[in-house]
Amino acid sequence: MMPNAADASSFGDIELNAMGDDAADLARDMSFERPDKPEEACGVFGVYATPTFDVARLAYFGIYALQHRGQESAGISVFSRSGDATEVKTHKHMGLVSQVFNEDILDGMKGYMSVAHTRYSTTGSSHAGNAQPAVIETQKGDFALAHNGNLVNTLALKQDLVARGLDTNTTTDSEMIALEIAEGIKAGLSWKDAGIDAFRKSEGAFSLVIGTPEGMMGVRDTNGIRPLVIGTLENPDGPPGQLLYVLASETCGLDIIGASYLRDVEPGEMVWIDETGISSHMWAEKPEPKLCVFEMIYFARPDSHFHGETLYSYRRRIGQILAQEHPIEADMVMGVPDSGIPAAIGYAEESGIPYEEGLIKNRYVGRTFIQPSQIMREAGIRMKLNPLKDVLQGKRIIVVDDSIVRGNTSRKLVQALREAGAKEVHMRISSPPITHPCFYGIDTDSQEQLIAATKTVAEIEEQIKVDTLGYLSIDGMLKATQENVDHFCHACFSGKYPVDIPDELRGSKLMLEKAGVAAGVGV
């Protein structure tokens, strides 16, 4: 899903002076065990304003609100004009948004348009050279591209570009999209037509914000697998009613800067924003909505709006359905902070069993570069979650979490709850078993590493040491959306991929499916 196209010399004025690579590597490695969750995607943000607006600061807060979508790197590109010339200034590096930027950096980035990105890598390794936005030179000026998603035909695109005599510096999908746009400009196409030509060659998931010298694009792939929304912001310095336009992965990126939600960018649509306003261009012949349902279960913030309501409401509803599907006698219901809490509240409401907090989360655990001692590593879960012994003592508890990937964290969590005095531990998962890898922007493991692909529910119960385990059904998950159930991608649960997966990718992750081992397990 990501990164920069050519070497740094082709990226315009790029500043890389935040965390050093060694510190960033240490930050990634210090987590001594990968989190037992799917790891996603990226956040993209863009604003087209006027020279009187502090667009870099707006972009900073936009991706600050989207930090949950990627914590590896962050970047902002700002467009400014001097006469007829357009300059693009970019600052990006490894680290959190608050680590990459400071007041001096933002004060030095003045302009009328900004494109911003916060990254988690799914295609292309995690290092400063792959931080976004990607900035590419053309004879019509530089453009900046921010990408959320993952292409499935990256290799084919690269081979085609090389066959046409182009040098590519990475195997990343974002580079391929950017270079295809640059080739269209070289051939004399307009920015809009060059973009559309590139989008039609791209297969997979892509939500894009692209800044050009003539305007800004917001784009979703033909299935709209990853989200992208449009917002408006009133210009206090302009004529009455003048609206400025904002693009963001989620509505929480609009809320933080006071922008109002206008609508979603539709699957297969490109919106074009310039000084005259906003226009729509449907570039896909037959759009077929397939929003990633895991956005609703886990990835997106609970205060973001999808389908006219906050995801908190959806997550509470799936908790209610989970209680209907997997009832059990118990003394209390608790959620695993933070993502399991709305579903736990819904489970408690439906079951009539009291909801209580049984775990306290340390939200700063990922901010230390000091390696924990062996004794602390053995304690494991307490680095992030600390049980409340007086609440749990002697209780039969229902623990609600959003997913299990490998089972490592779940096992440690159950052990910690028992050591804190829990009499019984019943785990309920507010998503179906994850039996298949994702190829559209989620960094799931290969199939052999997914616990639900290799074990039955009873075997998982035994491995994580719970008294009982219950997963939400696929039907229950989709029913709770209260939308057309055909408009969602649920490939990681069902193995039904909306975009065909090339053999070279399929073979790398669907080993068990080929052997017939995973069919129907846990579903």
Protein backbone atom coordinates (compact mmCIF):
# COMPACT_ATOMS: atom_id res chain seq x y z
CA MET A 1 0.00 0.00 0.00
CA MET A 2 2.36 2.60 -0.15
CA PRO A 3 5.47 4.35 -0.82
CA ASN A 4 7.71 6.53 -2.70
CA ALA A 5 8.45 6.18 -6.31
CA ALA A 6 11.96 7.12 -7.21
CA ASP A 7 15.01 8.12 -5.26
CA ALA A 8 14.91 11.17 -3.00
CA SER A 9 16.24 13.45 -5.70
CA SER A 10 13.00 13.09 -7.65
CA PHE A 11 10.78 13.92 -4.71
CA GLY A 12 11.15 17.69 -4.53
CA ASP A 13 12.03 19.38 -1.23
CA ILE A 14 11.91 16.47 1.23
CA GLU A 15 13.01 16.89 4.81
CA LEU A 16 13.93 13.76 6.76
CA ASN A 17 15.05 14.94 10.16
CA ALA A 18 12.81 13.32 12.73
CA MET A 19 13.65 9.94 14.29
CA GLY A 20 16.81 8.26 13.08
CA ASP A 21 16.47 4.91 11.33
CA ASP A 22 18.13 3.08 14.22
CA ALA A 23 15.65 4.51 16.70
CA ALA A 24 12.75 3.68 14.42
CA ASP A 25 14.00 0.11 13.98
CA LEU A 26 14.28 -0.23 17.73
CA ALA A 27 10.78 1.13 18.18
CA ARG A 28 9.43 -1.53 15.86
CA ASP A 29 11.49 -4.33 17.34
CA MET A 30 10.80 -3.53 21.00
CA SER A 31 7.37 -5.08 20.82
CA PHE A 32 9.10 -8.45 21.49
CA GLU A 33 5.92 -10.16 20.23
CA ARG A 34 3.70 -9.00 17.39
CA PRO A 35 0.24 -7.85 18.49
CA ASP A 36 -2.40 -10.55 18.16
CA LYS A 37 -4.52 -8.34 15.91
CA PRO A 38 -4.76 -7.68 12.18
CA GLU A 39 -2.54 -4.72 11.39
CA GLU A 40 -3.87 -2.28 8.88
CA ALA A 41 -3.66 0.11 6.38
CA CYS A 42 -2.92 3.77 6.35
CA GLY A 43 -4.64 7.07 6.85
CA VAL A 44 -4.88 9.63 4.03
CA PHE A 45 -5.89 13.26 4.26
CA GLY A 46 -6.07 16.25 1.95
CA VAL A 47 -7.31 19.83 2.06
CA TYR A 48 -7.75 22.35 -0.76
CA ALA A 49 -8.01 25.84 0.70
CA THR A 50 -6.70 29.33 0.04
CA PRO A 51 -3.28 30.85 0.78
CA THR A 52 -4.75 32.37 3.96
CA PHE A 53 -5.37 28.93 5.44
CA ASP A 54 -2.78 27.07 7.51
CA VAL A 55 -3.11 23.90 5.43
CA ALA A 56 -0.09 22.15 6.96
CA ARG A 57 -1.55 22.51 10.44
CA LEU A 58 -4.93 21.25 9.26
CA ALA A 59 -3.19 18.26 7.67
CA TYR A 60 -1.22 17.61 10.86
CA PHE A 61 -4.37 17.37 12.95
CA GLY A 62 -6.11 15.38 10.24
CA ILE A 63 -3.53 12.59 10.28
CA TYR A 64 -3.19 12.95 14.06
CA ALA A 65 -6.84 11.88 14.26
CA LEU A 66 -6.06 9.03 11.85
CA GLN A 67 -2.99 7.84 13.78
CA HIS A 68 -4.71 4.54 14.65
CA ARG A 69 -4.55 3.58 10.96
CA GLY A 70 -0.74 3.54 10.87
CA GLN A 71 2.06 4.24 13.35
CA GLU A 72 5.20 3.62 11.31
CA SER A 73 5.67 6.89 9.46
CA ALA A 74 3.95 10.16 8.72
CA GLY A 75 4.25 12.86 6.09
CA ILE A 76 2.73 16.06 4.72
CA SER A 77 3.16 17.70 1.31
CA VAL A 78 2.15 21.34 0.87
CA PHE A 79 1.58 23.10 -2.47
CA SER A 80 2.33 26.81 -2.83
CA ARG A 81 2.39 29.21 -5.79
CA SER A 82 4.93 31.78 -6.85
CA GLY A 83 3.70 33.47 -10.01
CA ASP A 84 2.91 30.70 -12.47
CA ALA A 85 5.14 28.17 -10.72
CA THR A 86 3.90 25.63 -8.18
CA GLU A 87 6.24 24.39 -5.46
CA VAL A 88 5.75 21.22 -3.42
CA LYS A 89 7.38 21.02 -0.01
CA THR A 90 7.31 17.67 1.79
CA HIS A 91 8.28 16.60 5.28
CA LYS A 92 8.04 12.93 6.25
CA HIS A 93 9.82 10.36 8.36
CA MET A 94 9.50 7.34 10.58
CA GLY A 95 7.54 7.69 13.79
CA LEU A 96 4.21 8.92 15.09
CA VAL A 97 2.68 12.13 13.77
CA SER A 98 3.63 13.97 16.96
CA GLN A 99 7.24 12.75 16.64
CA VAL A 100 7.69 13.66 12.98
CA PHE A 101 6.33 17.23 13.20
CA ASN A 102 6.80 20.23 15.44
CA GLU A 103 5.79 23.90 15.36
CA ASP A 104 8.88 25.05 13.45
CA ILE A 105 8.36 22.46 10.72
CA LEU A 106 4.69 23.33 10.28
CA ASP A 107 5.43 27.07 10.29
CA GLY A 108 7.82 26.50 7.38
CA MET A 109 5.17 24.78 5.24
CA LYS A 110 2.86 27.47 3.84
CA GLY A 111 0.53 26.87 0.93
CA TYR A 112 -3.00 26.47 -0.37
CA MET A 113 -3.23 22.66 -0.61
CA SER A 114 -1.90 19.76 1.42
CA VAL A 115 -1.74 15.99 1.08
CA ALA A 116 -0.91 13.91 4.16
CA HIS A 117 -0.37 10.30 5.14
CA THR A 118 0.20 8.08 8.14
CA ARG A 119 1.49 4.63 7.28
CA TYR A 120 1.45 1.01 8.20
CA SER A 121 3.30 -1.04 5.60
CA THR A 122 1.68 -3.93 3.76
CA THR A 123 3.61 -3.62 0.49
CA GLY A 124 7.17 -2.33 0.77
CA SER A 125 9.33 -2.50 3.85
CA SER A 126 9.11 -0.13 6.79
CA HIS A 127 11.81 2.51 6.39
CA ALA A 128 12.06 6.24 5.76
CA GLY A 129 12.40 5.88 1.98
CA ASN A 130 8.93 4.37 1.81
CA ALA A 131 7.22 7.06 3.88
CA GLN A 132 4.47 8.97 2.07
CA PRO A 133 3.25 11.13 0.40
CA ALA A 134 5.12 10.01 -2.70
CA VAL A 135 6.22 13.06 -4.70
CA ILE A 136 6.95 12.67 -8.40
CA GLU A 137 8.35 15.15 -10.95
CA THR A 138 6.67 15.64 -14.33
CA GLN A 139 6.98 18.26 -17.08
CA LYS A 140 3.73 19.78 -15.76
CA GLY A 141 5.11 20.05 -12.24
CA ASP A 142 5.38 17.81 -9.19
CA PHE A 143 2.49 15.84 -7.75
CA ALA A 144 2.03 14.14 -4.36
CA LEU A 145 0.22 10.85 -3.79
CA ALA A 146 -1.05 9.29 -0.53
CA HIS A 147 -2.41 5.73 -0.67
CA ASN A 148 -4.49 3.53 1.62
CA GLY A 149 -4.98 -0.04 0.42
CA ASN A 150 -3.01 -2.65 -1.47
CA LEU A 151 -2.84 -3.56 -5.15
CA VAL A 152 -2.82 -7.21 -6.20
CA ASN A 153 -1.23 -6.62 -9.61
CA THR A 154 1.86 -4.70 -8.46
CA LEU A 155 4.28 -7.15 -10.08
CA ALA A 156 2.47 -7.03 -13.43
CA LEU A 157 2.45 -3.22 -13.37
CA LYS A 158 6.16 -3.16 -12.57
CA GLN A 159 6.98 -5.55 -15.39
CA ASP A 160 4.97 -3.44 -17.83
CA LEU A 161 6.69 -0.24 -16.73
CA VAL A 162 10.13 -1.84 -17.06
CA ALA A 163 9.20 -3.15 -20.51
CA ARG A 164 8.40 0.45 -21.49
CA GLY A 165 11.89 1.51 -20.42
CA LEU A 166 11.06 3.00 -17.03
CA ASP A 167 13.28 2.65 -14.01
CA THR A 168 11.49 1.57 -10.85
CA ASN A 169 13.14 1.78 -7.46
CA THR A 170 10.81 -0.39 -5.39
CA THR A 171 8.19 -3.11 -5.79
CA THR A 172 5.63 -1.03 -3.92
CA ASP A 173 2.18 -0.55 -5.32
CA SER A 174 2.00 3.17 -4.63
CA GLU A 175 5.05 3.72 -6.82
CA MET A 176 3.35 1.88 -9.67
CA ILE A 177 0.23 4.08 -9.49
CA ALA A 178 2.35 7.23 -9.32
CA LEU A 179 4.57 6.23 -12.23
CA GLU A 180 1.54 5.35 -14.37
CA ILE A 181 0.15 8.84 -13.72
CA ALA A 182 3.52 10.38 -14.63
CA GLU A 183 3.55 8.38 -17.86
CA GLY A 184 0.11 9.72 -18.72
CA ILE A 185 1.32 13.29 -18.21
CA LYS A 186 4.36 12.54 -20.37
CA ALA A 187 1.97 11.37 -23.10
CA GLY A 188 0.16 14.70 -23.01
CA LEU A 189 -2.91 13.74 -20.96
CA SER A 190 -4.56 16.08 -18.48
CA TRP A 191 -4.11 15.37 -14.78
CA LYS A 192 -7.62 13.93 -14.56
CA ASP A 193 -7.21 11.71 -17.62
CA ALA A 194 -3.74 10.56 -16.58
CA GLY A 195 -5.15 9.61 -13.20
CA ILE A 196 -8.11 7.73 -14.64
CA ASP A 197 -5.83 5.84 -17.03
CA ALA A 198 -3.67 4.74 -14.08
CA PHE A 199 -6.66 3.78 -11.91
CA ARG A 200 -8.06 1.54 -14.64
CA LYS A 201 -4.77 -0.34 -14.77
CA SER A 202 -4.70 -0.85 -10.99
CA GLU A 203 -6.33 -3.88 -9.39
CA GLY A 204 -7.05 -4.28 -5.71
CA ALA A 205 -7.75 -1.76 -2.97
CA PHE A 206 -6.83 1.89 -3.25
CA SER A 207 -8.18 5.01 -1.65
CA LEU A 208 -6.03 7.90 -2.84
CA VAL A 209 -5.52 11.59 -2.17
CA ILE A 210 -3.43 13.14 -4.96
CA GLY A 211 -2.31 16.75 -5.11
CA THR A 212 -1.36 18.21 -8.52
CA PRO A 213 -0.44 21.75 -9.64
CA GLU A 214 -3.97 22.15 -11.01
CA GLY A 215 -6.11 20.54 -8.33
CA MET A 216 -6.62 17.66 -5.92
CA MET A 217 -8.05 14.19 -6.57
CA GLY A 218 -9.86 11.88 -4.17
CA VAL A 219 -10.20 8.34 -5.54
CA ARG A 220 -11.60 4.96 -4.52
CA ASP A 221 -11.14 1.66 -6.30
CA THR A 222 -14.03 0.07 -8.14
CA ASN A 223 -15.06 -1.85 -4.99
CA GLY A 224 -14.45 0.90 -2.45
CA ILE A 225 -12.68 -1.60 -0.18
CA ARG A 226 -11.05 1.14 1.90
CA PRO A 227 -13.02 4.21 3.04
CA LEU A 228 -12.63 7.84 1.92
CA VAL A 229 -14.91 10.73 2.85
CA ILE A 230 -15.42 14.33 1.72
CA GLY A 231 -15.88 17.22 4.12
CA THR A 232 -16.43 20.96 3.85
CA LEU A 233 -15.00 23.82 5.85
CA GLU A 234 -16.25 27.39 5.75
CA ASN A 235 -13.65 30.01 4.83
CA PRO A 236 -13.91 32.78 7.46
CA ASP A 237 -11.75 35.07 5.32
CA GLY A 238 -13.66 34.51 2.08
CA PRO A 239 -17.03 35.63 0.75
CA PRO A 240 -20.12 34.39 2.67
CA GLY A 241 -20.79 30.71 2.05
CA GLN A 242 -17.42 29.93 0.46
CA LEU A 243 -16.60 26.30 1.18
CA LEU A 244 -13.22 24.65 1.30
CA TYR A 245 -12.95 20.90 0.71
CA VAL A 246 -11.32 18.20 2.80
CA LEU A 247 -10.64 14.50 2.09
CA ALA A 248 -10.02 11.97 4.86
CA SER A 249 -9.99 8.22 5.42
CA GLU A 250 -12.59 8.60 8.17
CA THR A 251 -14.95 11.26 9.49
CA CYS A 252 -12.89 11.58 12.69
CA GLY A 253 -10.29 13.29 10.47
CA LEU A 254 -12.93 15.89 9.59
CA ASP A 255 -14.25 16.33 13.11
CA ILE A 256 -10.90 17.31 14.59
CA ILE A 257 -10.57 20.37 12.31
CA GLY A 258 -14.25 21.36 12.50
CA ALA A 259 -15.13 20.22 8.98
CA SER A 260 -18.63 18.95 8.16
CA TYR A 261 -19.17 15.58 6.54
CA LEU A 262 -20.53 15.95 3.00
CA ARG A 263 -20.51 12.38 1.66
CA ASP A 264 -18.33 9.39 0.86
CA VAL A 265 -16.25 9.20 -2.28
CA GLU A 266 -18.12 6.42 -4.10
CA PRO A 267 -16.54 3.16 -5.30
CA GLY A 268 -15.12 3.76 -8.77
CA GLU A 269 -15.30 7.55 -8.38
CA MET A 270 -12.73 10.30 -8.65
CA VAL A 271 -13.57 13.71 -7.22
CA TRP A 272 -11.64 16.69 -8.56
CA ILE A 273 -11.20 19.76 -6.37
CA ASP A 274 -9.84 23.10 -7.51
CA GLU A 275 -10.58 26.82 -7.06
CA THR A 276 -13.94 26.40 -8.82
CA GLY A 277 -15.19 23.76 -6.40
CA ILE A 278 -15.67 20.01 -6.59
CA SER A 279 -16.71 17.76 -9.49
CA SER A 280 -17.35 14.03 -9.79
CA HIS A 281 -15.97 11.62 -12.41
CA MET A 282 -17.00 7.94 -12.40
CA TRP A 283 -13.99 6.18 -13.91
CA ALA A 284 -15.08 2.57 -13.29
CA GLU A 285 -17.56 1.04 -15.71
CA LYS A 286 -19.29 -1.27 -13.22
CA PRO A 287 -18.59 -0.25 -9.61
CA GLU A 288 -19.43 -2.97 -7.10
CA PRO A 289 -19.28 -1.80 -3.45
CA LYS A 290 -17.31 -4.14 -1.20
CA LEU A 291 -16.29 -2.15 1.88
CA CYS A 292 -13.97 -4.10 4.18
CA VAL A 293 -16.23 -5.17 7.04
CA PHE A 294 -13.22 -5.25 9.37
CA GLU A 295 -13.16 -1.45 9.10
CA MET A 296 -16.46 -1.54 10.95
CA ILE A 297 -15.48 -4.21 13.46
CA TYR A 298 -12.02 -2.98 14.41
CA PHE A 299 -9.94 -0.69 12.23
CA ALA A 300 -11.85 2.58 12.06
CA ARG A 301 -12.34 4.68 15.17
CA PRO A 302 -15.63 4.08 17.02
CA ASP A 303 -16.55 7.76 16.67
CA SER A 304 -16.24 7.68 12.87
CA HIS A 305 -19.49 7.59 10.89
CA PHE A 306 -20.29 4.78 8.46
CA HIS A 307 -23.72 4.46 6.86
CA GLY A 308 -25.23 7.28 8.90
CA GLU A 309 -24.14 6.22 12.38
CA THR A 310 -21.03 5.94 14.51
CA LEU A 311 -19.23 2.63 14.53
CA TYR A 312 -19.79 2.54 18.27
CA SER A 313 -23.45 1.82 17.51
CA TYR A 314 -22.58 -0.98 15.07
CA ARG A 315 -20.11 -2.54 17.50
CA ARG A 316 -22.62 -2.46 20.33
CA ARG A 317 -25.14 -4.14 18.01
CA ILE A 318 -22.78 -7.00 17.11
CA GLY A 319 -22.27 -7.51 20.83
CA GLN A 320 -26.01 -7.94 21.23
CA ILE A 321 -26.12 -10.49 18.42
CA LEU A 322 -23.09 -12.26 19.92
CA ALA A 323 -25.03 -12.65 23.19
CA GLN A 324 -27.95 -14.17 21.27
CA GLU A 325 -25.68 -16.60 19.43
CA HIS A 326 -23.48 -17.61 22.40
CA PRO A 327 -25.27 -17.17 25.76
CA ILE A 328 -23.61 -18.35 28.98
CA GLU A 329 -24.29 -17.94 32.70
CA ALA A 330 -21.81 -15.56 34.31
CA ASP A 331 -21.40 -12.85 36.92
CA MET A 332 -19.98 -10.06 34.75
CA VAL A 333 -19.18 -9.01 31.20
CA MET A 334 -15.99 -7.12 30.41
CA GLY A 335 -14.37 -5.87 27.22
CA VAL A 336 -10.72 -5.99 26.19
CA PRO A 337 -9.74 -2.29 25.93
CA ASP A 338 -10.33 -0.45 23.81
CA SER A 339 -11.75 -2.15 20.75
CA GLY A 340 -13.70 -4.83 22.59
CA ILE A 341 -15.61 -2.48 24.87
CA PRO A 342 -18.59 -1.42 22.66
CA ALA A 343 -19.39 -5.07 21.82
CA ALA A 344 -19.04 -6.01 25.49
CA ILE A 345 -21.56 -3.31 26.42
CA GLY A 346 -23.93 -4.69 23.78
CA TYR A 347 -23.43 -8.24 25.09
CA ALA A 348 -24.23 -7.08 28.64
CA GLU A 349 -27.35 -5.21 27.48
CA GLU A 350 -28.70 -8.24 25.62
CA SER A 351 -27.80 -10.84 28.25
CA GLY A 352 -28.75 -8.83 31.34
CA ILE A 353 -25.39 -9.66 32.90
CA PRO A 354 -23.71 -6.59 34.48
CA TYR A 355 -20.91 -4.88 32.56
CA GLU A 356 -17.78 -4.03 34.53
CA GLU A 357 -14.24 -2.97 33.73
CA GLY A 358 -11.82 -5.75 34.54
CA LEU A 359 -8.74 -4.51 32.69
CA ILE A 360 -6.91 -1.21 32.65
CA LYS A 361 -4.95 -0.37 29.51
CA ASN A 362 -1.54 1.30 29.50
CA ARG A 363 -1.81 3.55 26.45
CA TYR A 364 1.86 4.53 26.50
CA VAL A 365 3.41 1.06 26.32
CA GLY A 366 4.55 1.61 22.73
CA ARG A 367 6.39 4.83 23.57
CA THR A 368 9.44 3.36 25.34
CA PHE A 369 12.69 2.28 23.70
CA ILE A 370 13.77 0.32 26.78
CA GLN A 371 13.56 -3.43 26.29
CA PRO A 372 11.58 -5.16 29.06
CA SER A 373 13.45 -7.64 31.24
CA GLN A 374 12.92 -11.39 30.88
CA ILE A 375 10.72 -11.40 33.97
CA MET A 376 8.55 -8.70 32.39
CA ARG A 377 8.37 -10.55 29.09
CA GLU A 378 7.09 -13.59 30.95
CA ALA A 379 4.41 -11.43 32.55
CA GLY A 380 3.54 -10.52 28.97
CA ILE A 381 0.08 -9.05 28.89
CA ARG A 382 0.60 -6.76 31.90
CA MET A 383 2.77 -4.47 29.82
CA LYS A 384 -0.44 -3.37 28.11
CA LEU A 385 -3.35 -4.62 30.21
CA ASN A 386 -3.49 -4.86 33.99
CA PRO A 387 -6.34 -6.85 35.63
CA LEU A 388 -8.38 -5.41 38.51
CA LYS A 389 -8.09 -8.19 41.09
CA ASP A 390 -10.82 -6.99 43.45
CA VAL A 391 -13.29 -6.80 40.55
CA LEU A 392 -12.42 -10.25 39.17
CA GLN A 393 -11.95 -12.24 42.38
CA GLY A 394 -14.20 -15.30 42.45
CA LYS A 395 -16.24 -14.19 39.42
CA ARG A 396 -17.43 -16.07 36.37
CA ILE A 397 -16.49 -13.62 33.65
CA ILE A 398 -17.30 -13.15 29.99
CA VAL A 399 -14.44 -11.46 28.11
CA VAL A 400 -15.41 -9.81 24.81
CA ASP A 401 -12.70 -9.10 22.23
CA ASP A 402 -12.93 -8.12 18.56
CA SER A 403 -10.71 -10.83 17.03
CA ILE A 404 -8.14 -13.57 17.51
CA VAL A 405 -5.36 -13.93 14.94
CA ARG A 406 -2.67 -16.21 16.37
CA GLY A 407 -3.98 -16.69 19.91
CA ASN A 408 -0.78 -15.66 21.71
CA THR A 409 -2.19 -12.57 23.41
CA SER A 410 -5.51 -14.26 24.17
CA ARG A 411 -3.73 -17.07 26.00
CA LYS A 412 -1.70 -14.64 28.09
CA LEU A 413 -4.79 -12.56 28.81
CA VAL A 414 -6.74 -15.57 30.05
CA GLN A 415 -3.82 -16.60 32.25
CA ALA A 416 -3.61 -13.10 33.75
CA LEU A 417 -7.36 -13.08 34.48
CA ARG A 418 -7.18 -16.44 36.23
CA GLU A 419 -4.17 -15.32 38.28
CA ALA A 420 -6.21 -12.27 39.28
CA GLY A 421 -8.83 -14.58 40.76
CA ALA A 422 -11.39 -15.17 37.99
CA LYS A 423 -13.32 -18.37 38.71
CA GLU A 424 -14.32 -19.01 35.09
CA VAL A 425 -13.24 -17.28 31.87
CA HIS A 426 -15.59 -17.38 28.87
CA MET A 427 -14.33 -15.63 25.76
CA ARG A 428 -16.64 -14.15 23.13
CA ILE A 429 -15.27 -12.74 19.86
CA SER A 430 -17.26 -10.04 18.04
CA SER A 431 -16.09 -11.23 14.62
CA PRO A 432 -16.09 -14.61 12.86
CA PRO A 433 -12.95 -16.80 12.87
CA ILE A 434 -10.20 -15.33 10.66
CA THR A 435 -9.41 -18.20 8.32
CA HIS A 436 -7.94 -16.45 5.27
CA PRO A 437 -5.29 -13.76 4.72
CA CYS A 438 -6.15 -10.33 3.36
CA PHE A 439 -4.58 -9.01 0.15
CA TYR A 440 -6.24 -5.58 0.19
CA GLY A 441 -4.33 -3.59 2.78
CA ILE A 442 -4.43 -5.61 6.00
CA ASP A 443 -1.21 -7.25 7.13
CA THR A 444 -2.63 -10.63 8.16
CA ASP A 445 -0.39 -13.63 8.44
CA SER A 446 -0.14 -16.42 5.94
CA GLN A 447 -2.91 -18.93 6.37
CA GLU A 448 -0.81 -21.44 8.29
CA GLN A 449 -0.29 -18.84 11.05
CA LEU A 450 -4.00 -18.06 11.50
CA ILE A 451 -5.16 -20.11 14.46
CA ALA A 452 -8.74 -20.49 13.17
CA ALA A 453 -7.48 -21.83 9.84
CA THR A 454 -5.69 -24.74 11.47
CA LYS A 455 -7.77 -25.50 14.58
CA THR A 456 -11.40 -26.10 15.50
CA VAL A 457 -13.13 -23.91 18.08
CA ALA A 458 -12.67 -26.67 20.67
CA GLU A 459 -8.94 -26.84 19.90
CA ILE A 460 -8.63 -23.05 20.20
CA GLU A 461 -10.42 -23.22 23.56
CA GLU A 462 -7.80 -25.67 24.73
CA GLN A 463 -4.88 -23.64 23.38
CA ILE A 464 -5.90 -20.33 24.96
CA LYS A 465 -7.19 -22.08 28.14
CA VAL A 466 -10.72 -20.65 28.28
CA ASP A 467 -13.75 -22.45 29.68
CA THR A 468 -15.79 -21.67 26.55
CA LEU A 469 -15.21 -19.74 23.31
CA GLY A 470 -17.79 -18.30 20.94
CA TYR A 471 -17.36 -16.39 17.68
CA LEU A 472 -19.87 -14.11 15.99
CA SER A 473 -21.31 -15.69 12.85
CA ILE A 474 -20.76 -14.22 9.39
CA ASP A 475 -24.53 -13.83 9.05
CA GLY A 476 -24.74 -12.01 12.37
CA MET A 477 -21.84 -9.72 11.46
CA LEU A 478 -23.47 -8.74 8.16
CA LYS A 479 -26.99 -8.49 9.56
CA ALA A 480 -25.80 -5.98 12.13
CA THR A 481 -24.67 -3.57 9.39
CA GLN A 482 -28.35 -2.98 8.51
CA GLU A 483 -27.13 -2.46 4.94
CA ASN A 484 -27.07 -4.56 1.78
CA VAL A 485 -24.96 -7.53 2.88
CA ASP A 486 -23.56 -7.92 -0.64
CA HIS A 487 -21.81 -4.55 -0.28
CA PHE A 488 -19.09 -5.82 2.07
CA CYS A 489 -15.81 -7.68 1.66
CA HIS A 490 -15.49 -10.50 4.22
CA ALA A 491 -12.77 -12.52 2.51
CA CYS A 492 -10.71 -12.96 5.67
CA PHE A 493 -13.65 -14.84 7.21
CA SER A 494 -15.15 -16.55 4.18
CA GLY A 495 -12.36 -16.84 1.60
CA LYS A 496 -14.56 -15.06 -0.96
CA TYR A 497 -12.24 -12.47 -2.53
CA PRO A 498 -13.98 -9.71 -4.52
CA VAL A 499 -10.86 -9.05 -6.61
CA ASP A 500 -9.07 -12.02 -8.16
CA ILE A 501 -5.73 -12.81 -6.52
CA PRO A 502 -2.81 -13.60 -8.89
CA ASP A 503 -1.24 -17.02 -8.44
CA GLU A 504 2.06 -15.61 -7.16
CA LEU A 505 0.25 -13.86 -4.29
CA ARG A 506 -2.27 -16.60 -3.67
CA GLY A 507 0.48 -19.19 -3.40
CA SER A 508 2.40 -17.15 -0.85
CA LYS A 509 -0.44 -16.93 1.67
CA LEU A 510 -3.10 -19.51 0.81
CA MET A 511 -1.00 -22.59 1.43
CA LEU A 512 -3.62 -24.38 3.49
CA GLU A 513 -6.45 -23.56 1.14
CA LYS A 514 -4.55 -25.31 -1.64
CA ALA A 515 -4.18 -28.34 0.59
CA GLY A 516 -7.85 -28.22 1.55
CA VAL A 517 -7.05 -27.98 5.25
CA ALA A 518 -8.81 -24.73 6.06
CA ALA A 519 -12.13 -25.39 4.38
CA GLY A 520 -14.97 -24.64 6.78
CA VAL A 521 -12.87 -24.65 9.94
CA GLY A 522 -14.50 -22.63 12.69
CA VAL A 523 -17.06 -20.97 10.41
